[in-house]
Structure formats: structure tokens, C-alpha cells
Amino acid sequence: MSADGTWNTTVNSPMGAQKATLTIKTEGATFTGTMAGAQGEQPVSGKVDGATLTWGSKLTQPFPIDLEFTVTVDGDKMTGSVKAGAFGSSPLTGERA
């Protein structure tokens, strides 16, 4: 099943649960989309390898930090992790909206 569509995601970070809406449009081995949450909305783009998607993102609020996402799509569920610099990795879960 394709990762295309809208996903309601939750990252269980050291700062608590961070909810966001992720929209994905795949095209071969790449994808584009947006991620909208409490820190605003930003474009995302990354790689597709089978059911696994990877991408990076930079946040400026509440402080500057680079994020590295790795998620696996299984039907209408998404699981993975977000590496947040010195804060380490936090689990990510999502469900198709």
C-alpha cells in the first residue's frame, strides 16, 4: 500500500507528545509533502525505499534543532523514530487520516 495521503502522527519526545499532520505524495524513490504541528507548517521531502520513508527537517522553535525521520508504513499505520540531535531518538506513530 502506498504512503500517499494524510497521516496523524505523534512523536513521544522528551518535551511530551508532539502531534502533527503529515501529508505525503510519493513519486518513485522520492516523496514530497508537508508537516504541520505546533511549530507551524513546513515542506518535507525525502526518500522512499519500499515501505520505509526517510527525511530531515530543521526546527527553529522553541530552539534550533535538526531532526532525522525514519518511518515504515504498514497499511494504515506508520511507525518509526525521530532523531533530535543531542536529545537522541523518540518513537513516532501515525495513522492514516
PDB file of N, CA and C in Angstrom:
ATOM      1  N   MET A   1       0.851  -1.182   0.000  1.00  0.00           N
ATOM      2  CA  MET A   1       0.000   0.000   0.000  1.00  0.00           C
ATOM      3  C   MET A   1       0.891   1.238   0.000  1.00  0.00           C
ATOM      4  N   SER A   2       0.465   2.237  -0.679  1.00  0.00           N
ATOM      5  CA  SER A   2       1.204   3.479  -0.824  1.00  0.00           C
ATOM      6  C   SER A   2       1.162   4.310   0.467  1.00  0.00           C
ATOM      7  N   ALA A   3       2.206   5.099   0.666  1.00  0.00           N
ATOM      8  CA  ALA A   3       2.248   6.022   1.798  1.00  0.00           C
ATOM      9  C   ALA A   3       1.504   7.315   1.488  1.00  0.00           C
ATOM     10  N   ASP A   4       1.055   7.482   0.238  1.00  0.00           N
ATOM     11  CA  ASP A   4       0.377   8.714  -0.165  1.00  0.00           C
ATOM     12  C   ASP A   4      -0.833   8.992   0.716  1.00  0.00           C
ATOM     13  N   GLY A   5      -1.000  10.260   1.044  1.00  0.00           N
ATOM     14  CA  GLY A   5      -2.174  10.661   1.809  1.00  0.00           C
ATOM     15  C   GLY A   5      -1.809  11.504   3.008  1.00  0.00           C
ATOM     16  N   THR A   6      -2.765  11.617   3.910  1.00  0.00           N
ATOM     17  CA  THR A   6      -2.606  12.423   5.113  1.00  0.00           C
ATOM     18  C   THR A   6      -2.539  11.507   6.322  1.00  0.00           C
ATOM     19  N   TRP A   7      -1.594  11.809   7.221  1.00  0.00           N
ATOM     20  CA  TRP A   7      -1.330  10.998   8.402  1.00  0.00           C
ATOM     21  C   TRP A   7      -1.393  11.867   9.650  1.00  0.00           C
ATOM     22  N   ASN A   8      -2.018  11.353  10.698  1.00  0.00           N
ATOM     23  CA  ASN A   8      -1.996  11.992  12.009  1.00  0.00           C
ATOM     24  C   ASN A   8      -0.880  11.311  12.792  1.00  0.00           C
ATOM     25  N   THR A   9       0.171  12.067  13.117  1.00  0.00           N
ATOM     26  CA  THR A   9       1.341  11.479  13.758  1.00  0.00           C
ATOM     27  C   THR A   9       1.523  12.008  15.179  1.00  0.00           C
ATOM     28  N   THR A  10       2.208  11.207  15.993  1.00  0.00           N
ATOM     29  CA  THR A  10       2.579  11.592  17.347  1.00  0.00           C
ATOM     30  C   THR A  10       4.017  11.158  17.585  1.00  0.00           C
ATOM     31  N   VAL A  11       4.841  12.106  18.033  1.00  0.00           N
ATOM     32  CA  VAL A  11       6.209  11.808  18.447  1.00  0.00           C
ATOM     33  C   VAL A  11       6.241  11.942  19.963  1.00  0.00           C
ATOM     34  N   ASN A  12       6.636  10.869  20.650  1.00  0.00           N
ATOM     35  CA  ASN A  12       6.751  10.904  22.108  1.00  0.00           C
ATOM     36  C   ASN A  12       8.153  11.372  22.470  1.00  0.00           C
ATOM     37  N   SER A  13       8.322  12.701  22.510  1.00  0.00           N
ATOM     38  CA  SER A  13       9.626  13.321  22.712  1.00  0.00           C
ATOM     39  C   SER A  13       9.870  13.614  24.191  1.00  0.00           C
ATOM     40  N   PRO A  14      11.115  13.993  24.539  1.00  0.00           N
ATOM     41  CA  PRO A  14      11.389  14.396  25.926  1.00  0.00           C
ATOM     42  C   PRO A  14      10.551  15.597  26.363  1.00  0.00           C
ATOM     43  N   MET A  15      10.013  16.350  25.397  1.00  0.00           N
ATOM     44  CA  MET A  15       9.164  17.506  25.707  1.00  0.00           C
ATOM     45  C   MET A  15       7.682  17.135  25.726  1.00  0.00           C
ATOM     46  N   GLY A  16       7.380  15.843  25.727  1.00  0.00           N
ATOM     47  CA  GLY A  16       5.997  15.381  25.724  1.00  0.00           C
ATOM     48  C   GLY A  16       5.555  14.974  24.330  1.00  0.00           C
ATOM     49  N   ALA A  17       4.291  14.580  24.206  1.00  0.00           N
ATOM     50  CA  ALA A  17       3.739  14.141  22.927  1.00  0.00           C
ATOM     51  C   ALA A  17       3.615  15.317  21.976  1.00  0.00           C
ATOM     52  N   GLN A  18       4.216  15.182  20.788  1.00  0.00           N
ATOM     53  CA  GLN A  18       4.169  16.224  19.761  1.00  0.00           C
ATOM     54  C   GLN A  18       3.315  15.700  18.608  1.00  0.00           C
ATOM     55  N   LYS A  19       2.146  16.279  18.425  1.00  0.00           N
ATOM     56  CA  LYS A  19       1.230  15.834  17.371  1.00  0.00           C
ATOM     57  C   LYS A  19       1.419  16.687  16.122  1.00  0.00           C
ATOM     58  N   ALA A  20       1.292  16.035  14.968  1.00  0.00           N
ATOM     59  CA  ALA A  20       1.420  16.747  13.697  1.00  0.00           C
ATOM     60  C   ALA A  20       0.593  16.036  12.638  1.00  0.00           C
ATOM     61  N   THR A  21       0.301  16.772  11.570  1.00  0.00           N
ATOM     62  CA  THR A  21      -0.363  16.209  10.401  1.00  0.00           C
ATOM     63  C   THR A  21       0.660  16.170   9.280  1.00  0.00           C
ATOM     64  N   LEU A  22       0.912  14.975   8.764  1.00  0.00           N
ATOM     65  CA  LEU A  22       1.893  14.749   7.706  1.00  0.00           C
ATOM     66  C   LEU A  22       1.153  14.406   6.424  1.00  0.00           C
ATOM     67  N   THR A  23       1.437  15.144   5.352  1.00  0.00           N
ATOM     68  CA  THR A  23       0.843  14.866   4.048  1.00  0.00           C
ATOM     69  C   THR A  23       1.954  14.417   3.113  1.00  0.00           C
ATOM     70  N   ILE A  24       1.746  13.278   2.442  1.00  0.00           N
ATOM     71  CA  ILE A  24       2.783  12.653   1.613  1.00  0.00           C
ATOM     72  C   ILE A  24       2.280  12.415   0.194  1.00  0.00           C
ATOM     73  N   LYS A  25       3.143  12.699  -0.771  1.00  0.00           N
ATOM     74  CA  LYS A  25       2.906  12.364  -2.183  1.00  0.00           C
ATOM     75  C   LYS A  25       4.186  11.721  -2.707  1.00  0.00           C
ATOM     76  N   THR A  26       4.125  10.404  -2.945  1.00  0.00           N
ATOM     77  CA  THR A  26       5.310   9.691  -3.427  1.00  0.00           C
ATOM     78  C   THR A  26       5.406   9.782  -4.949  1.00  0.00           C
ATOM     79  N   GLU A  27       6.656   9.715  -5.419  1.00  0.00           N
ATOM     80  CA  GLU A  27       6.927   9.673  -6.852  1.00  0.00           C
ATOM     81  C   GLU A  27       8.195   8.853  -7.045  1.00  0.00           C
ATOM     82  N   GLY A  28       7.996   7.553  -7.297  1.00  0.00           N
ATOM     83  CA  GLY A  28       9.134   6.664  -7.440  1.00  0.00           C
ATOM     84  C   GLY A  28       9.880   6.503  -6.124  1.00  0.00           C
ATOM     85  N   ALA A  29      11.177   6.827  -6.128  1.00  0.00           N
ATOM     86  CA  ALA A  29      12.014   6.651  -4.941  1.00  0.00           C
ATOM     87  C   ALA A  29      12.099   7.908  -4.078  1.00  0.00           C
ATOM     88  N   THR A  30      11.210   8.890  -4.336  1.00  0.00           N
ATOM     89  CA  THR A  30      11.211  10.114  -3.541  1.00  0.00           C
ATOM     90  C   THR A  30       9.785  10.484  -3.144  1.00  0.00           C
ATOM     91  N   PHE A  31       9.669  11.430  -2.214  1.00  0.00           N
ATOM     92  CA  PHE A  31       8.349  11.943  -1.853  1.00  0.00           C
ATOM     93  C   PHE A  31       8.479  13.409  -1.468  1.00  0.00           C
ATOM     94  N   THR A  32       7.363  14.104  -1.535  1.00  0.00           N
ATOM     95  CA  THR A  32       7.254  15.486  -1.073  1.00  0.00           C
ATOM     96  C   THR A  32       5.997  15.595  -0.233  1.00  0.00           C
ATOM     97  N   GLY A  33       5.878  16.684   0.500  1.00  0.00           N
ATOM     98  CA  GLY A  33       4.678  16.893   1.300  1.00  0.00           C
ATOM     99  C   GLY A  33       4.868  18.016   2.287  1.00  0.00           C
ATOM    100  N   THR A  34       4.037  18.001   3.329  1.00  0.00           N
ATOM    101  CA  THR A  34       4.108  18.992   4.390  1.00  0.00           C
ATOM    102  C   THR A  34       3.922  18.309   5.734  1.00  0.00           C
ATOM    103  N   MET A  35       4.462  18.955   6.758  1.00  0.00           N
ATOM    104  CA  MET A  35       4.241  18.509   8.131  1.00  0.00           C
ATOM    105  C   MET A  35       3.807  19.729   8.923  1.00  0.00           C
ATOM    106  N   ALA A  36       2.611  19.649   9.507  1.00  0.00           N
ATOM    107  CA  ALA A  36       2.041  20.773  10.246  1.00  0.00           C
ATOM    108  C   ALA A  36       1.797  20.369  11.689  1.00  0.00           C
ATOM    109  N   GLY A  37       2.340  21.173  12.605  1.00  0.00           N
ATOM    110  CA  GLY A  37       2.171  20.910  14.025  1.00  0.00           C
ATOM    111  C   GLY A  37       2.207  22.202  14.806  1.00  0.00           C
ATOM    112  N   ALA A  38       2.493  22.092  16.103  1.00  0.00           N
ATOM    113  CA  ALA A  38       2.506  23.254  16.990  1.00  0.00           C
ATOM    114  C   ALA A  38       3.550  24.286  16.577  1.00  0.00           C
ATOM    115  N   GLN A  39       4.637  23.849  15.916  1.00  0.00           N
ATOM    116  CA  GLN A  39       5.680  24.771  15.486  1.00  0.00           C
ATOM    117  C   GLN A  39       5.413  25.343  14.101  1.00  0.00           C
ATOM    118  N   GLY A  40       4.228  25.109  13.553  1.00  0.00           N
ATOM    119  CA  GLY A  40       3.883  25.621  12.231  1.00  0.00           C
ATOM    120  C   GLY A  40       3.929  24.532  11.177  1.00  0.00           C
ATOM    121  N   GLU A  41       3.863  24.947   9.924  1.00  0.00           N
ATOM    122  CA  GLU A  41       3.876  24.006   8.802  1.00  0.00           C
ATOM    123  C   GLU A  41       5.146  24.212   7.995  1.00  0.00           C
ATOM    124  N   GLN A  42       5.731  23.091   7.558  1.00  0.00           N
ATOM    125  CA  GLN A  42       6.911  23.199   6.718  1.00  0.00           C
ATOM    126  C   GLN A  42       6.906  22.110   5.660  1.00  0.00           C
ATOM    127  N   PRO A  43       7.525  22.402   4.522  1.00  0.00           N
ATOM    128  CA  PRO A  43       7.609  21.382   3.479  1.00  0.00           C
ATOM    129  C   PRO A  43       8.571  20.279   3.894  1.00  0.00           C
ATOM    130  N   VAL A  44       8.300  19.057   3.442  1.00  0.00           N
ATOM    131  CA  VAL A  44       9.197  17.927   3.660  1.00  0.00           C
ATOM    132  C   VAL A  44       9.433  17.229   2.330  1.00  0.00           C
ATOM    133  N   SER A  45      10.602  16.640   2.206  1.00  0.00           N
ATOM    134  CA  SER A  45      10.901  15.809   1.042  1.00  0.00           C
ATOM    135  C   SER A  45      11.956  14.811   1.457  1.00  0.00           C
ATOM    136  N   GLY A  46      11.884  13.626   0.865  1.00  0.00           N
ATOM    137  CA  GLY A  46      12.820  12.592   1.262  1.00  0.00           C
ATOM    138  C   GLY A  46      12.820  11.418   0.321  1.00  0.00           C
ATOM    139  N   LYS A  47      13.303  10.293   0.854  1.00  0.00           N
ATOM    140  CA  LYS A  47      13.489   9.077   0.063  1.00  0.00           C
ATOM    141  C   LYS A  47      12.474   8.017   0.451  1.00  0.00           C
ATOM    142  N   VAL A  48      12.130   7.203  -0.549  1.00  0.00           N
ATOM    143  CA  VAL A  48      11.240   6.065  -0.353  1.00  0.00           C
ATOM    144  C   VAL A  48      12.023   4.809  -0.706  1.00  0.00           C
ATOM    145  N   ASP A  49      12.071   3.855   0.223  1.00  0.00           N
ATOM    146  CA  ASP A  49      12.731   2.569  -0.011  1.00  0.00           C
ATOM    147  C   ASP A  49      11.765   1.480   0.414  1.00  0.00           C
ATOM    148  N   GLY A  50      10.958   0.996  -0.538  1.00  0.00           N
ATOM    149  CA  GLY A  50       9.909   0.039  -0.196  1.00  0.00           C
ATOM    150  C   GLY A  50       8.861   0.719   0.653  1.00  0.00           C
ATOM    151  N   ALA A  51       8.668   0.225   1.888  1.00  0.00           N
ATOM    152  CA  ALA A  51       7.685   0.805   2.798  1.00  0.00           C
ATOM    153  C   ALA A  51       8.307   1.812   3.761  1.00  0.00           C
ATOM    154  N   THR A  52       9.613   2.089   3.600  1.00  0.00           N
ATOM    155  CA  THR A  52      10.324   2.979   4.514  1.00  0.00           C
ATOM    156  C   THR A  52      10.546   4.349   3.887  1.00  0.00           C
ATOM    157  N   LEU A  53      10.251   5.384   4.664  1.00  0.00           N
ATOM    158  CA  LEU A  53      10.479   6.766   4.239  1.00  0.00           C
ATOM    159  C   LEU A  53      11.492   7.403   5.185  1.00  0.00           C
ATOM    160  N   THR A  54      12.405   8.188   4.631  1.00  0.00           N
ATOM    161  CA  THR A  54      13.381   8.917   5.439  1.00  0.00           C
ATOM    162  C   THR A  54      13.439  10.363   4.964  1.00  0.00           C
ATOM    163  N   TRP A  55      13.585  11.286   5.930  1.00  0.00           N
ATOM    164  CA  TRP A  55      13.731  12.691   5.583  1.00  0.00           C
ATOM    165  C   TRP A  55      14.303  13.462   6.766  1.00  0.00           C
ATOM    166  N   GLY A  56      14.797  14.635   6.478  1.00  0.00           N
ATOM    167  CA  GLY A  56      15.317  15.527   7.505  1.00  0.00           C
ATOM    168  C   GLY A  56      14.489  16.788   7.572  1.00  0.00           C
ATOM    169  N   SER A  57      14.564  17.453   8.719  1.00  0.00           N
ATOM    170  CA  SER A  57      13.805  18.672   8.934  1.00  0.00           C
ATOM    171  C   SER A  57      14.577  19.535   9.930  1.00  0.00           C
ATOM    172  N   LYS A  58      14.405  20.839   9.818  1.00  0.00           N
ATOM    173  CA  LYS A  58      15.042  21.767  10.754  1.00  0.00           C
ATOM    174  C   LYS A  58      13.966  22.577  11.454  1.00  0.00           C
ATOM    175  N   LEU A  59      14.006  22.564  12.781  1.00  0.00           N
ATOM    176  CA  LEU A  59      13.088  23.392  13.557  1.00  0.00           C
ATOM    177  C   LEU A  59      13.840  24.607  14.088  1.00  0.00           C
ATOM    178  N   THR A  60      13.148  25.714  14.200  1.00  0.00           N
ATOM    179  CA  THR A  60      13.750  26.916  14.778  1.00  0.00           C
ATOM    180  C   THR A  60      13.092  27.279  16.105  1.00  0.00           C
ATOM    181  N   GLN A  61      11.905  26.712  16.391  1.00  0.00           N
ATOM    182  CA  GLN A  61      11.181  26.993  17.629  1.00  0.00           C
ATOM    183  C   GLN A  61      10.888  25.690  18.349  1.00  0.00           C
ATOM    184  N   PRO A  62      10.980  25.545  19.635  1.00  0.00           N
ATOM    185  CA  PRO A  62      11.354  26.601  20.564  1.00  0.00           C
ATOM    186  C   PRO A  62      12.864  26.899  20.576  1.00  0.00           C
ATOM    187  N   PHE A  63      13.652  26.086  19.871  1.00  0.00           N
ATOM    188  CA  PHE A  63      15.089  26.318  19.711  1.00  0.00           C
ATOM    189  C   PHE A  63      15.528  25.603  18.443  1.00  0.00           C
ATOM    190  N   PRO A  64      16.630  26.016  17.831  1.00  0.00           N
ATOM    191  CA  PRO A  64      17.075  25.376  16.588  1.00  0.00           C
ATOM    192  C   PRO A  64      17.516  23.926  16.820  1.00  0.00           C
ATOM    193  N   ILE A  65      17.025  23.020  15.986  1.00  0.00           N
ATOM    194  CA  ILE A  65      17.412  21.614  16.085  1.00  0.00           C
ATOM    195  C   ILE A  65      17.169  20.924  14.747  1.00  0.00           C
ATOM    196  N   ASP A  66      18.069  20.015  14.384  1.00  0.00           N
ATOM    197  CA  ASP A  66      17.912  19.190  13.182  1.00  0.00           C
ATOM    198  C   ASP A  66      17.242  17.881  13.565  1.00  0.00           C
ATOM    199  N   LEU A  67      16.236  17.498  12.795  1.00  0.00           N
ATOM    200  CA  LEU A  67      15.512  16.249  13.027  1.00  0.00           C
ATOM    201  C   LEU A  67      15.758  15.300  11.869  1.00  0.00           C
ATOM    202  N   GLU A  68      15.885  14.002  12.165  1.00  0.00           N
ATOM    203  CA  GLU A  68      16.027  12.965  11.149  1.00  0.00           C
ATOM    204  C   GLU A  68      14.934  11.927  11.377  1.00  0.00           C
ATOM    205  N   PHE A  69      14.030  11.800  10.397  1.00  0.00           N
ATOM    206  CA  PHE A  69      12.883  10.902  10.491  1.00  0.00           C
ATOM    207  C   PHE A  69      13.142   9.611   9.715  1.00  0.00           C
ATOM    208  N   THR A  70      12.737   8.480  10.298  1.00  0.00           N
ATOM    209  CA  THR A  70      12.712   7.191   9.610  1.00  0.00           C
ATOM    210  C   THR A  70      11.405   6.519  10.007  1.00  0.00           C
ATOM    211  N   VAL A  71      10.528   6.266   9.031  1.00  0.00           N
ATOM    212  CA  VAL A  71       9.241   5.637   9.328  1.00  0.00           C
ATOM    213  C   VAL A  71       8.969   4.512   8.341  1.00  0.00           C
ATOM    214  N   THR A  72       8.182   3.555   8.809  1.00  0.00           N
ATOM    215  CA  THR A  72       7.741   2.442   7.966  1.00  0.00           C
ATOM    216  C   THR A  72       6.223   2.441   7.932  1.00  0.00           C
ATOM    217  N   VAL A  73       5.680   2.355   6.725  1.00  0.00           N
ATOM    218  CA  VAL A  73       4.236   2.336   6.523  1.00  0.00           C
ATOM    219  C   VAL A  73       3.781   0.895   6.367  1.00  0.00           C
ATOM    220  N   ASP A  74       2.737   0.535   7.132  1.00  0.00           N
ATOM    221  CA  ASP A  74       2.140  -0.799   7.054  1.00  0.00           C
ATOM    222  C   ASP A  74       0.630  -0.609   7.009  1.00  0.00           C
ATOM    223  N   GLY A  75       0.084  -0.585   5.793  1.00  0.00           N
ATOM    224  CA  GLY A  75      -1.351  -0.351   5.633  1.00  0.00           C
ATOM    225  C   GLY A  75      -1.704   1.063   6.042  1.00  0.00           C
ATOM    226  N   ASP A  76      -2.561   1.179   7.061  1.00  0.00           N
ATOM    227  CA  ASP A  76      -2.990   2.494   7.531  1.00  0.00           C
ATOM    228  C   ASP A  76      -2.262   2.920   8.801  1.00  0.00           C
ATOM    229  N   LYS A  77      -1.135   2.264   9.098  1.00  0.00           N
ATOM    230  CA  LYS A  77      -0.342   2.601  10.284  1.00  0.00           C
ATOM    231  C   LYS A  77       1.079   2.960   9.876  1.00  0.00           C
ATOM    232  N   MET A  78       1.692   3.802  10.679  1.00  0.00           N
ATOM    233  CA  MET A  78       3.059   4.246  10.453  1.00  0.00           C
ATOM    234  C   MET A  78       3.795   4.152  11.796  1.00  0.00           C
ATOM    235  N   THR A  79       5.004   3.589  11.783  1.00  0.00           N
ATOM    236  CA  THR A  79       5.831   3.542  12.980  1.00  0.00           C
ATOM    237  C   THR A  79       7.250   3.928  12.607  1.00  0.00           C
ATOM    238  N   GLY A  80       7.972   4.461  13.558  1.00  0.00           N
ATOM    239  CA  GLY A  80       9.349   4.830  13.287  1.00  0.00           C
ATOM    240  C   GLY A  80       9.935   5.633  14.411  1.00  0.00           C
ATOM    241  N   SER A  81      10.919   6.469  14.052  1.00  0.00           N
ATOM    242  CA  SER A  81      11.598   7.264  15.062  1.00  0.00           C
ATOM    243  C   SER A  81      12.054   8.587  14.480  1.00  0.00           C
ATOM    244  N   VAL A  82      12.318   9.507  15.398  1.00  0.00           N
ATOM    245  CA  VAL A  82      12.844  10.820  15.049  1.00  0.00           C
ATOM    246  C   VAL A  82      14.093  11.048  15.890  1.00  0.00           C
ATOM    247  N   LYS A  83      15.225  11.251  15.223  1.00  0.00           N
ATOM    248  CA  LYS A  83      16.451  11.572  15.932  1.00  0.00           C
ATOM    249  C   LYS A  83      16.534  13.086  16.035  1.00  0.00           C
ATOM    250  N   ALA A  84      16.682  13.582  17.273  1.00  0.00           N
ATOM    251  CA  ALA A  84      16.676  15.017  17.523  1.00  0.00           C
ATOM    252  C   ALA A  84      17.984  15.442  18.172  1.00  0.00           C
ATOM    253  N   GLY A  85      19.043  15.482  17.387  1.00  0.00           N
ATOM    254  CA  GLY A  85      20.332  15.945  17.874  1.00  0.00           C
ATOM    255  C   GLY A  85      20.745  15.271  19.167  1.00  0.00           C
ATOM    256  N   ALA A  86      21.156  16.075  20.151  1.00  0.00           N
ATOM    257  CA  ALA A  86      21.635  15.573  21.439  1.00  0.00           C
ATOM    258  C   ALA A  86      20.531  14.936  22.277  1.00  0.00           C
ATOM    259  N   PHE A  87      19.270  15.127  21.890  1.00  0.00           N
ATOM    260  CA  PHE A  87      18.157  14.550  22.637  1.00  0.00           C
ATOM    261  C   PHE A  87      17.944  13.073  22.320  1.00  0.00           C
ATOM    262  N   GLY A  88      18.653  12.541  21.319  1.00  0.00           N
ATOM    263  CA  GLY A  88      18.505  11.138  20.958  1.00  0.00           C
ATOM    264  C   GLY A  88      17.264  10.895  20.119  1.00  0.00           C
ATOM    265  N   SER A  89      16.842   9.638  20.071  1.00  0.00           N
ATOM    266  CA  SER A  89      15.693   9.247  19.250  1.00  0.00           C
ATOM    267  C   SER A  89      14.426   9.134  20.075  1.00  0.00           C
ATOM    268  N   SER A  90      13.318   9.485  19.449  1.00  0.00           N
ATOM    269  CA  SER A  90      11.997   9.360  20.062  1.00  0.00           C
ATOM    270  C   SER A  90      11.105   8.573  19.114  1.00  0.00           C
ATOM    271  N   PRO A  91      10.207   7.738  19.654  1.00  0.00           N
ATOM    272  CA  PRO A  91       9.317   6.967  18.790  1.00  0.00           C
ATOM    273  C   PRO A  91       8.252   7.833  18.120  1.00  0.00           C
ATOM    274  N   LEU A  92       7.923   7.472  16.888  1.00  0.00           N
ATOM    275  CA  LEU A  92       6.864   8.132  16.118  1.00  0.00           C
ATOM    276  C   LEU A  92       5.837   7.085  15.751  1.00  0.00           C
ATOM    277  N   THR A  93       4.570   7.408  15.923  1.00  0.00           N
ATOM    278  CA  THR A  93       3.471   6.558  15.463  1.00  0.00           C
ATOM    279  C   THR A  93       2.527   7.425  14.642  1.00  0.00           C
ATOM    280  N   GLY A  94       1.811   6.796  13.728  1.00  0.00           N
ATOM    281  CA  GLY A  94       0.841   7.537  12.942  1.00  0.00           C
ATOM    282  C   GLY A  94      -0.239   6.635  12.401  1.00  0.00           C
ATOM    283  N   GLU A  95      -1.357   7.268  12.108  1.00  0.00           N
ATOM    284  CA  GLU A  95      -2.493   6.579  11.481  1.00  0.00           C
ATOM    285  C   GLU A  95      -2.980   7.421  10.326  1.00  0.00           C
ATOM    286  N   ARG A  96      -3.381   6.740   9.262  1.00  0.00           N
ATOM    287  CA  ARG A  96      -3.911   7.438   8.099  1.00  0.00           C
ATOM    288  C   ARG A  96      -5.176   8.194   8.505  1.00  0.00           C
ATOM    289  N   ALA A  97      -5.239   9.451   8.114  1.00  0.00           N
ATOM    290  CA  ALA A  97      -6.390  10.305   8.481  1.00  0.00           C
ATOM    291  C   ALA A  97      -7.601   9.973   7.637  1.00  0.00           C
TER     292      ALA A  97
END
